[in-house]
Amino acid sequence: MSAPLRSIEGQDEAGILREIHSALQGLRFGSVEITVHNGQVVQIERKEKFRLQQPHGKQS
């Protein structure tokens, strides 16, 4: 599952760091991928995983 990407073109370093911080907020399991092109951050992608647990006492 990927969150929609926001444009960060033309933002300063503080703006990019805010976007990365925002992508990390509330993330329990998953990853944040930062894509760099020609030395500039061009994309931040958040992938979140939801872990489902089996009820106690039941095993497959």
PDB file of N, CA and C in Angstrom:
ATOM      1  N   MET A   1       0.853  -1.173   0.000  1.00  0.00           N
ATOM      2  CA  MET A   1       0.000   0.000   0.000  1.00  0.00           C
ATOM      3  C   MET A   1       0.896   1.233   0.000  1.00  0.00           C
ATOM      4  N   SER A   2       0.738   2.118  -0.938  1.00  0.00           N
ATOM      5  CA  SER A   2       1.530   3.340  -1.006  1.00  0.00           C
ATOM      6  C   SER A   2       0.630   4.545  -0.825  1.00  0.00           C
ATOM      7  N   ALA A   3       1.129   5.501  -0.065  1.00  0.00           N
ATOM      8  CA  ALA A   3       0.399   6.753   0.097  1.00  0.00           C
ATOM      9  C   ALA A   3       0.621   7.608  -1.147  1.00  0.00           C
ATOM     10  N   PRO A   4      -0.330   8.472  -1.486  1.00  0.00           N
ATOM     11  CA  PRO A   4      -0.121   9.365  -2.629  1.00  0.00           C
ATOM     12  C   PRO A   4       1.103  10.240  -2.384  1.00  0.00           C
ATOM     13  N   LEU A   5       1.882  10.468  -3.418  1.00  0.00           N
ATOM     14  CA  LEU A   5       3.086  11.274  -3.287  1.00  0.00           C
ATOM     15  C   LEU A   5       2.764  12.750  -3.470  1.00  0.00           C
ATOM     16  N   ARG A   6       3.417  13.568  -2.680  1.00  0.00           N
ATOM     17  CA  ARG A   6       3.263  15.016  -2.804  1.00  0.00           C
ATOM     18  C   ARG A   6       4.469  15.568  -3.536  1.00  0.00           C
ATOM     19  N   SER A   7       4.279  16.583  -4.332  1.00  0.00           N
ATOM     20  CA  SER A   7       5.376  17.212  -5.045  1.00  0.00           C
ATOM     21  C   SER A   7       6.260  17.970  -4.061  1.00  0.00           C
ATOM     22  N   ILE A   8       7.562  17.750  -4.130  1.00  0.00           N
ATOM     23  CA  ILE A   8       8.482  18.467  -3.260  1.00  0.00           C
ATOM     24  C   ILE A   8       9.462  19.298  -4.078  1.00  0.00           C
ATOM     25  N   GLU A   9       9.212  19.378  -5.375  1.00  0.00           N
ATOM     26  CA  GLU A   9      10.098  20.125  -6.255  1.00  0.00           C
ATOM     27  C   GLU A   9      10.178  21.580  -5.831  1.00  0.00           C
ATOM     28  N   GLY A  10      11.398  22.127  -5.771  1.00  0.00           N
ATOM     29  CA  GLY A  10      11.581  23.525  -5.431  1.00  0.00           C
ATOM     30  C   GLY A  10      11.582  23.820  -3.947  1.00  0.00           C
ATOM     31  N   GLN A  11      11.424  22.786  -3.096  1.00  0.00           N
ATOM     32  CA  GLN A  11      11.422  23.013  -1.651  1.00  0.00           C
ATOM     33  C   GLN A  11      12.855  23.047  -1.131  1.00  0.00           C
ATOM     34  N   ASP A  12      13.030  23.754  -0.027  1.00  0.00           N
ATOM     35  CA  ASP A  12      14.338  23.806   0.605  1.00  0.00           C
ATOM     36  C   ASP A  12      14.565  22.553   1.453  1.00  0.00           C
ATOM     37  N   GLU A  13      15.739  22.434   2.040  1.00  0.00           N
ATOM     38  CA  GLU A  13      16.081  21.248   2.825  1.00  0.00           C
ATOM     39  C   GLU A  13      15.125  21.045   3.999  1.00  0.00           C
ATOM     40  N   ALA A  14      14.746  22.121   4.668  1.00  0.00           N
ATOM     41  CA  ALA A  14      13.820  22.010   5.799  1.00  0.00           C
ATOM     42  C   ALA A  14      12.472  21.457   5.334  1.00  0.00           C
ATOM     43  N   GLY A  15      12.011  21.865   4.168  1.00  0.00           N
ATOM     44  CA  GLY A  15      10.748  21.361   3.622  1.00  0.00           C
ATOM     45  C   GLY A  15      10.825  19.880   3.315  1.00  0.00           C
ATOM     46  N   ILE A  16      11.945  19.439   2.761  1.00  0.00           N
ATOM     47  CA  ILE A  16      12.134  18.022   2.450  1.00  0.00           C
ATOM     48  C   ILE A  16      12.152  17.207   3.745  1.00  0.00           C
ATOM     49  N   LEU A  17      12.856  17.717   4.761  1.00  0.00           N
ATOM     50  CA  LEU A  17      12.903  17.012   6.042  1.00  0.00           C
ATOM     51  C   LEU A  17      11.524  16.921   6.681  1.00  0.00           C
ATOM     52  N   ARG A  18      10.708  17.963   6.525  1.00  0.00           N
ATOM     53  CA  ARG A  18       9.335  17.912   7.050  1.00  0.00           C
ATOM     54  C   ARG A  18       8.531  16.824   6.349  1.00  0.00           C
ATOM     55  N   GLU A  19       8.707  16.685   5.033  1.00  0.00           N
ATOM     56  CA  GLU A  19       7.995  15.650   4.272  1.00  0.00           C
ATOM     57  C   GLU A  19       8.422  14.254   4.718  1.00  0.00           C
ATOM     58  N   ILE A  20       9.719  14.069   4.958  1.00  0.00           N
ATOM     59  CA  ILE A  20      10.218  12.774   5.416  1.00  0.00           C
ATOM     60  C   ILE A  20       9.665  12.474   6.807  1.00  0.00           C
ATOM     61  N   HIS A  21       9.688  13.461   7.673  1.00  0.00           N
ATOM     62  CA  HIS A  21       9.136  13.299   9.026  1.00  0.00           C
ATOM     63  C   HIS A  21       7.653  12.937   8.949  1.00  0.00           C
ATOM     64  N   SER A  22       6.926  13.591   8.074  1.00  0.00           N
ATOM     65  CA  SER A  22       5.504  13.325   7.899  1.00  0.00           C
ATOM     66  C   SER A  22       5.273  11.882   7.427  1.00  0.00           C
ATOM     67  N   ALA A  23       6.122  11.406   6.521  1.00  0.00           N
ATOM     68  CA  ALA A  23       5.991  10.031   6.016  1.00  0.00           C
ATOM     69  C   ALA A  23       6.255   9.011   7.125  1.00  0.00           C
ATOM     70  N   LEU A  24       7.106   9.356   8.081  1.00  0.00           N
ATOM     71  CA  LEU A  24       7.447   8.445   9.168  1.00  0.00           C
ATOM     72  C   LEU A  24       6.429   8.451  10.296  1.00  0.00           C
ATOM     73  N   GLN A  25       5.649   9.501  10.420  1.00  0.00           N
ATOM     74  CA  GLN A  25       4.684   9.634  11.520  1.00  0.00           C
ATOM     75  C   GLN A  25       3.680   8.487  11.509  1.00  0.00           C
ATOM     76  N   GLY A  26       3.558   7.827  12.629  1.00  0.00           N
ATOM     77  CA  GLY A  26       2.565   6.775  12.791  1.00  0.00           C
ATOM     78  C   GLY A  26       2.905   5.461  12.114  1.00  0.00           C
ATOM     79  N   LEU A  27       4.051   5.379  11.458  1.00  0.00           N
ATOM     80  CA  LEU A  27       4.432   4.155  10.754  1.00  0.00           C
ATOM     81  C   LEU A  27       4.954   3.139  11.767  1.00  0.00           C
ATOM     82  N   ARG A  28       4.286   1.988  11.867  1.00  0.00           N
ATOM     83  CA  ARG A  28       4.705   0.944  12.806  1.00  0.00           C
ATOM     84  C   ARG A  28       5.481  -0.152  12.093  1.00  0.00           C
ATOM     85  N   PHE A  29       5.008  -0.579  10.938  1.00  0.00           N
ATOM     86  CA  PHE A  29       5.675  -1.609  10.143  1.00  0.00           C
ATOM     87  C   PHE A  29       5.678  -1.136   8.700  1.00  0.00           C
ATOM     88  N   GLY A  30       6.825  -1.079   8.082  1.00  0.00           N
ATOM     89  CA  GLY A  30       6.881  -0.672   6.684  1.00  0.00           C
ATOM     90  C   GLY A  30       8.194   0.007   6.365  1.00  0.00           C
ATOM     91  N   SER A  31       8.156   0.871   5.366  1.00  0.00           N
ATOM     92  CA  SER A  31       9.380   1.546   4.936  1.00  0.00           C
ATOM     93  C   SER A  31       9.056   2.901   4.315  1.00  0.00           C
ATOM     94  N   VAL A  32      10.071   3.763   4.321  1.00  0.00           N
ATOM     95  CA  VAL A  32       9.998   5.038   3.630  1.00  0.00           C
ATOM     96  C   VAL A  32      11.170   5.053   2.652  1.00  0.00           C
ATOM     97  N   GLU A  33      10.874   5.234   1.381  1.00  0.00           N
ATOM     98  CA  GLU A  33      11.905   5.238   0.344  1.00  0.00           C
ATOM     99  C   GLU A  33      12.058   6.650  -0.197  1.00  0.00           C
ATOM    100  N   ILE A  34      13.305   7.124  -0.249  1.00  0.00           N
ATOM    101  CA  ILE A  34      13.609   8.465  -0.753  1.00  0.00           C
ATOM    102  C   ILE A  34      14.373   8.294  -2.052  1.00  0.00           C
ATOM    103  N   THR A  35      13.845   8.856  -3.133  1.00  0.00           N
ATOM    104  CA  THR A  35      14.478   8.761  -4.441  1.00  0.00           C
ATOM    105  C   THR A  35      15.191  10.072  -4.750  1.00  0.00           C
ATOM    106  N   VAL A  36      16.467   9.943  -5.137  1.00  0.00           N
ATOM    107  CA  VAL A  36      17.294  11.102  -5.445  1.00  0.00           C
ATOM    108  C   VAL A  36      17.695  11.043  -6.911  1.00  0.00           C
ATOM    109  N   HIS A  37      17.589  12.164  -7.614  1.00  0.00           N
ATOM    110  CA  HIS A  37      17.971  12.257  -9.021  1.00  0.00           C
ATOM    111  C   HIS A  37      18.797  13.524  -9.193  1.00  0.00           C
ATOM    112  N   ASN A  38      19.985  13.388  -9.735  1.00  0.00           N
ATOM    113  CA  ASN A  38      20.898  14.523  -9.922  1.00  0.00           C
ATOM    114  C   ASN A  38      21.120  15.305  -8.629  1.00  0.00           C
ATOM    115  N   GLY A  39      21.254  14.574  -7.515  1.00  0.00           N
ATOM    116  CA  GLY A  39      21.541  15.201  -6.239  1.00  0.00           C
ATOM    117  C   GLY A  39      20.366  15.880  -5.560  1.00  0.00           C
ATOM    118  N   GLN A  40      19.156  15.698  -6.085  1.00  0.00           N
ATOM    119  CA  GLN A  40      17.968  16.309  -5.489  1.00  0.00           C
ATOM    120  C   GLN A  40      16.934  15.234  -5.184  1.00  0.00           C
ATOM    121  N   VAL A  41      16.258  15.396  -4.036  1.00  0.00           N
ATOM    122  CA  VAL A  41      15.178  14.483  -3.679  1.00  0.00           C
ATOM    123  C   VAL A  41      14.009  14.757  -4.621  1.00  0.00           C
ATOM    124  N   VAL A  42      13.569  13.717  -5.318  1.00  0.00           N
ATOM    125  CA  VAL A  42      12.477  13.889  -6.277  1.00  0.00           C
ATOM    126  C   VAL A  42      11.221  13.121  -5.884  1.00  0.00           C
ATOM    127  N   GLN A  43      11.341  12.190  -4.917  1.00  0.00           N
ATOM    128  CA  GLN A  43      10.181  11.387  -4.554  1.00  0.00           C
ATOM    129  C   GLN A  43      10.372  10.806  -3.165  1.00  0.00           C
ATOM    130  N   ILE A  44       9.290  10.784  -2.404  1.00  0.00           N
ATOM    131  CA  ILE A  44       9.265  10.112  -1.105  1.00  0.00           C
ATOM    132  C   ILE A  44       8.072   9.165  -1.140  1.00  0.00           C
ATOM    133  N   GLU A  45       8.343   7.880  -0.907  1.00  0.00           N
ATOM    134  CA  GLU A  45       7.286   6.870  -0.973  1.00  0.00           C
ATOM    135  C   GLU A  45       7.181   6.160   0.368  1.00  0.00           C
ATOM    136  N   ARG A  46       5.960   6.028   0.861  1.00  0.00           N
ATOM    137  CA  ARG A  46       5.707   5.349   2.127  1.00  0.00           C
ATOM    138  C   ARG A  46       4.965   4.052   1.836  1.00  0.00           C
ATOM    139  N   LYS A  47       5.495   2.953   2.353  1.00  0.00           N
ATOM    140  CA  LYS A  47       4.846   1.650   2.238  1.00  0.00           C
ATOM    141  C   LYS A  47       4.561   1.168   3.643  1.00  0.00           C
ATOM    142  N   GLU A  48       3.298   0.861   3.899  1.00  0.00           N
ATOM    143  CA  GLU A  48       2.910   0.445   5.237  1.00  0.00           C
ATOM    144  C   GLU A  48       2.375  -0.973   5.202  1.00  0.00           C
ATOM    145  N   LYS A  49       2.793  -1.770   6.183  1.00  0.00           N
ATOM    146  CA  LYS A  49       2.330  -3.144   6.287  1.00  0.00           C
ATOM    147  C   LYS A  49       1.468  -3.270   7.524  1.00  0.00           C
ATOM    148  N   PHE A  50       0.421  -4.035   7.391  1.00  0.00           N
ATOM    149  CA  PHE A  50      -0.463  -4.310   8.513  1.00  0.00           C
ATOM    150  C   PHE A  50      -0.299  -5.774   8.864  1.00  0.00           C
ATOM    151  N   ARG A  51       0.114  -6.038  10.093  1.00  0.00           N
ATOM    152  CA  ARG A  51       0.323  -7.406  10.548  1.00  0.00           C
ATOM    153  C   ARG A  51      -0.947  -7.904  11.224  1.00  0.00           C
ATOM    154  N   LEU A  52      -1.444  -9.017  10.745  1.00  0.00           N
ATOM    155  CA  LEU A  52      -2.639  -9.624  11.322  1.00  0.00           C
ATOM    156  C   LEU A  52      -2.205 -10.802  12.180  1.00  0.00           C
ATOM    157  N   GLN A  53      -2.688 -10.840  13.401  1.00  0.00           N
ATOM    158  CA  GLN A  53      -2.318 -11.909  14.319  1.00  0.00           C
ATOM    159  C   GLN A  53      -3.453 -12.910  14.430  1.00  0.00           C
ATOM    160  N   GLN A  54      -3.099 -14.186  14.558  1.00  0.00           N
ATOM    161  CA  GLN A  54      -4.099 -15.228  14.753  1.00  0.00           C
ATOM    162  C   GLN A  54      -4.576 -15.176  16.190  1.00  0.00           C
ATOM    163  N   PRO A  55      -5.843 -15.546  16.425  1.00  0.00           N
ATOM    164  CA  PRO A  55      -6.330 -15.611  17.809  1.00  0.00           C
ATOM    165  C   PRO A  55      -5.491 -16.583  18.610  1.00  0.00           C
ATOM    166  N   HIS A  56      -5.304 -16.292  19.905  1.00  0.00           N
ATOM    167  CA  HIS A  56      -4.507 -17.156  20.774  1.00  0.00           C
ATOM    168  C   HIS A  56      -5.107 -18.564  20.837  1.00  0.00           C
ATOM    169  N   GLY A  57      -4.225 -19.566  20.818  1.00  0.00           N
ATOM    170  CA  GLY A  57      -4.683 -20.950  20.953  1.00  0.00           C
ATOM    171  C   GLY A  57      -4.989 -21.619  19.613  1.00  0.00           C
ATOM    172  N   LYS A  58      -5.046 -20.864  18.521  1.00  0.00           N
ATOM    173  CA  LYS A  58      -5.328 -21.437  17.202  1.00  0.00           C
ATOM    174  C   LYS A  58      -4.090 -21.313  16.324  1.00  0.00           C
ATOM    175  N   GLN A  59      -3.618 -22.442  15.844  1.00  0.00           N
ATOM    176  CA  GLN A  59      -2.475 -22.453  14.950  1.00  0.00           C
ATOM    177  C   GLN A  59      -2.810 -23.276  13.733  1.00  0.00           C
ATOM    178  N   SER A  60      -2.218 -22.914  12.589  1.00  0.00           N
ATOM    179  CA  SER A  60      -2.488 -23.666  11.363  1.00  0.00           C
ATOM    180  C   SER A  60      -1.513 -24.804  11.206  1.00  0.00           C
TER     181      SER A  60
END
